[in-house]
């Protein structure tokens, strides 16, 4: 069964990353350690580059194998980062979506991670994405971020 997990987040900023970006990096690392191939869908190139840098510097003792789509090995890395005009042709197990609307390609994944920000306008966009995932058959969960 396809699953979509929505994480409730706050909007604080630390080290140039907003909470949603920090949580996306953290969850990508957790899921990669669990053996998943991950695609992180960013809003634009600038956000993708910021997450790329954040994964390189996440912790000095761990290497997280990742790349921007099209800049790494032909068959991709275990964690790939894309944006709407640069999508991955490589199959992944999990989509971590930072997009404000439901990605048209989300239905190709068995697992999706999405986010519900505190800001009301962004929360409304998350509600719309939630309805879309439900309509296409995803089992949905809402959860607080891991501590």
Protein backbone atom coordinates (compact mmCIF):
# COMPACT_ATOMS: atom_id res chain seq x y z
CA UNK A 1 0.00 0.00 0.00
CA UNK A 2 1.20 3.51 -0.80
CA UNK A 3 1.82 5.74 2.21
CA UNK A 4 2.21 9.48 2.68
CA UNK A 5 3.45 10.87 5.98
CA UNK A 6 2.91 14.53 6.76
CA UNK A 7 5.21 16.03 9.39
CA UNK A 8 4.01 19.01 11.44
CA UNK A 9 6.77 21.61 11.61
CA UNK A 10 7.52 25.05 12.98
CA UNK A 11 9.17 27.80 10.99
CA UNK A 12 12.35 28.51 12.92
CA UNK A 13 15.65 29.01 11.09
CA UNK A 14 19.01 27.49 12.04
CA UNK A 15 22.21 27.64 10.00
CA UNK A 16 20.41 29.18 6.99
CA UNK A 17 18.02 26.21 6.74
CA UNK A 18 14.36 26.59 7.53
CA UNK A 19 12.81 23.83 9.66
CA UNK A 20 11.32 22.00 6.67
CA UNK A 21 14.74 21.80 4.98
CA UNK A 22 16.50 20.61 8.14
CA UNK A 23 13.84 17.97 8.69
CA UNK A 24 14.04 16.86 5.04
CA UNK A 25 17.81 16.32 5.41
CA UNK A 26 17.37 14.45 8.70
CA UNK A 27 14.64 12.18 7.30
CA UNK A 28 16.64 11.52 4.13
CA UNK A 29 19.55 10.34 6.27
CA UNK A 30 17.31 8.11 8.40
CA UNK A 31 15.65 6.55 5.38
CA UNK A 32 18.97 6.13 3.53
CA UNK A 33 20.36 4.29 6.57
CA UNK A 34 17.28 2.04 6.36
CA UNK A 35 18.29 1.13 2.79
CA UNK A 36 15.94 3.36 0.79
CA UNK A 37 16.70 5.30 -2.39
CA UNK A 38 15.39 8.82 -1.91
CA UNK A 39 14.41 11.68 -4.18
CA UNK A 40 14.13 15.09 -2.52
CA UNK A 41 11.94 17.37 -4.65
CA UNK A 42 12.83 21.03 -4.05
CA UNK A 43 10.99 24.15 -5.11
CA UNK A 44 13.85 25.46 -7.26
CA UNK A 45 17.55 25.15 -8.06
CA UNK A 46 18.58 27.48 -5.20
CA UNK A 47 16.82 25.35 -2.58
CA UNK A 48 18.28 22.17 -4.11
CA UNK A 49 21.80 23.61 -3.89
CA UNK A 50 21.18 24.63 -0.29
CA UNK A 51 20.12 21.08 0.63
CA UNK A 52 23.06 19.65 -1.30
CA UNK A 53 25.42 21.81 0.78
CA UNK A 54 23.56 20.91 3.99
CA UNK A 55 23.92 17.18 3.32
CA UNK A 56 27.66 17.58 2.67
CA UNK A 57 28.07 19.39 5.98
CA UNK A 58 25.38 17.60 8.01
CA UNK A 59 27.84 15.87 10.29
CA UNK A 60 31.61 15.60 10.00
CA UNK A 61 31.61 11.90 10.90
CA UNK A 62 29.10 10.64 8.32
CA UNK A 63 29.14 10.69 4.52
CA UNK A 64 25.67 10.83 2.98
CA UNK A 65 25.92 9.65 -0.65
CA UNK A 66 23.89 12.17 -2.60
CA UNK A 67 23.91 14.44 -5.61
CA UNK A 68 21.89 16.91 -7.61
CA UNK A 69 20.05 15.04 -10.37
CA UNK A 70 22.26 14.88 -13.47
CA UNK A 71 25.48 15.75 -11.65
CA UNK A 72 26.43 12.37 -10.25
CA UNK A 73 26.69 8.79 -11.45
CA UNK A 74 24.54 7.71 -14.39
CA UNK A 75 22.43 5.46 -12.19
CA UNK A 76 22.08 8.18 -9.54
CA UNK A 77 23.07 8.28 -5.89
CA UNK A 78 21.09 6.78 -3.01
CA UNK A 79 19.87 10.31 -2.22
CA UNK A 80 19.10 12.58 -5.18
CA UNK A 81 17.93 16.17 -5.14
CA UNK A 82 15.77 17.64 -7.91
CA UNK A 83 13.44 20.51 -8.74
CA UNK A 84 10.54 20.73 -11.22
CA UNK A 85 12.67 21.49 -14.29
CA UNK A 86 15.31 18.88 -13.43
CA UNK A 87 13.70 15.56 -12.53
CA UNK A 88 15.34 12.20 -12.00
CA UNK A 89 14.95 9.36 -14.51
CA UNK A 90 16.14 6.92 -11.81
CA UNK A 91 13.59 5.02 -9.73
CA UNK A 92 13.58 5.82 -6.02
CA UNK A 93 11.73 4.22 -3.11
CA UNK A 94 10.79 7.43 -1.36
CA UNK A 95 9.85 10.97 -2.35
CA UNK A 96 10.52 13.76 0.14
CA UNK A 97 8.53 16.67 -1.25
CA UNK A 98 9.25 20.30 -0.42
CA UNK A 99 6.93 21.45 -3.21
CA UNK A 100 3.94 23.71 -2.47
CA UNK A 101 1.68 21.64 -4.74
CA UNK A 102 1.40 17.90 -5.15
CA UNK A 103 4.11 16.67 -7.50
CA UNK A 104 2.61 15.12 -10.64
CA UNK A 105 5.11 12.28 -10.33
CA UNK A 106 4.30 11.51 -6.65
CA UNK A 107 1.99 8.66 -7.62
CA UNK A 108 5.01 6.74 -8.98
CA UNK A 109 6.31 6.36 -5.41
CA UNK A 110 5.17 3.89 -2.77
CA UNK A 111 6.18 6.25 0.01
CA UNK A 112 5.99 10.04 0.22
CA UNK A 113 7.06 12.40 2.98
CA UNK A 114 5.45 15.84 3.02
CA UNK A 115 5.21 18.67 5.52
CA UNK A 116 2.60 20.85 7.25
CA UNK A 117 4.11 24.25 8.15
CA UNK A 118 2.67 26.56 10.84
CA UNK A 119 2.03 29.45 8.45
CA UNK A 120 -1.67 29.45 7.50
CA UNK A 121 -1.25 29.92 3.72
CA UNK A 122 1.28 27.06 3.58
CA UNK A 123 -0.92 24.95 5.82
CA UNK A 124 -3.78 25.38 3.33
CA UNK A 125 -1.51 24.18 0.50
CA UNK A 126 -0.63 21.14 2.64
CA UNK A 127 -4.34 20.39 3.11
CA UNK A 128 -4.77 20.44 -0.66
CA UNK A 129 -1.82 18.06 -1.13
CA UNK A 130 -3.26 15.79 1.57
CA UNK A 131 -6.56 15.57 -0.33
CA UNK A 132 -4.75 14.78 -3.60
CA UNK A 133 -2.71 11.97 -2.00
CA UNK A 134 -5.88 10.53 -0.45
CA UNK A 135 -7.70 10.71 -3.79
CA UNK A 136 -4.98 8.73 -5.59
CA UNK A 137 -4.99 6.01 -2.93
CA UNK A 138 -2.27 6.83 -0.42
CA UNK A 139 -2.70 5.78 3.21
CA UNK A 140 -2.11 9.03 5.12
CA UNK A 141 -0.48 9.78 8.47
CA UNK A 142 0.15 13.07 10.27
CA UNK A 143 2.93 13.09 12.84
CA UNK A 144 5.10 15.51 14.80
CA UNK A 145 8.75 15.69 13.80
CA UNK A 146 11.13 13.23 15.45
CA UNK A 147 12.89 14.60 18.51
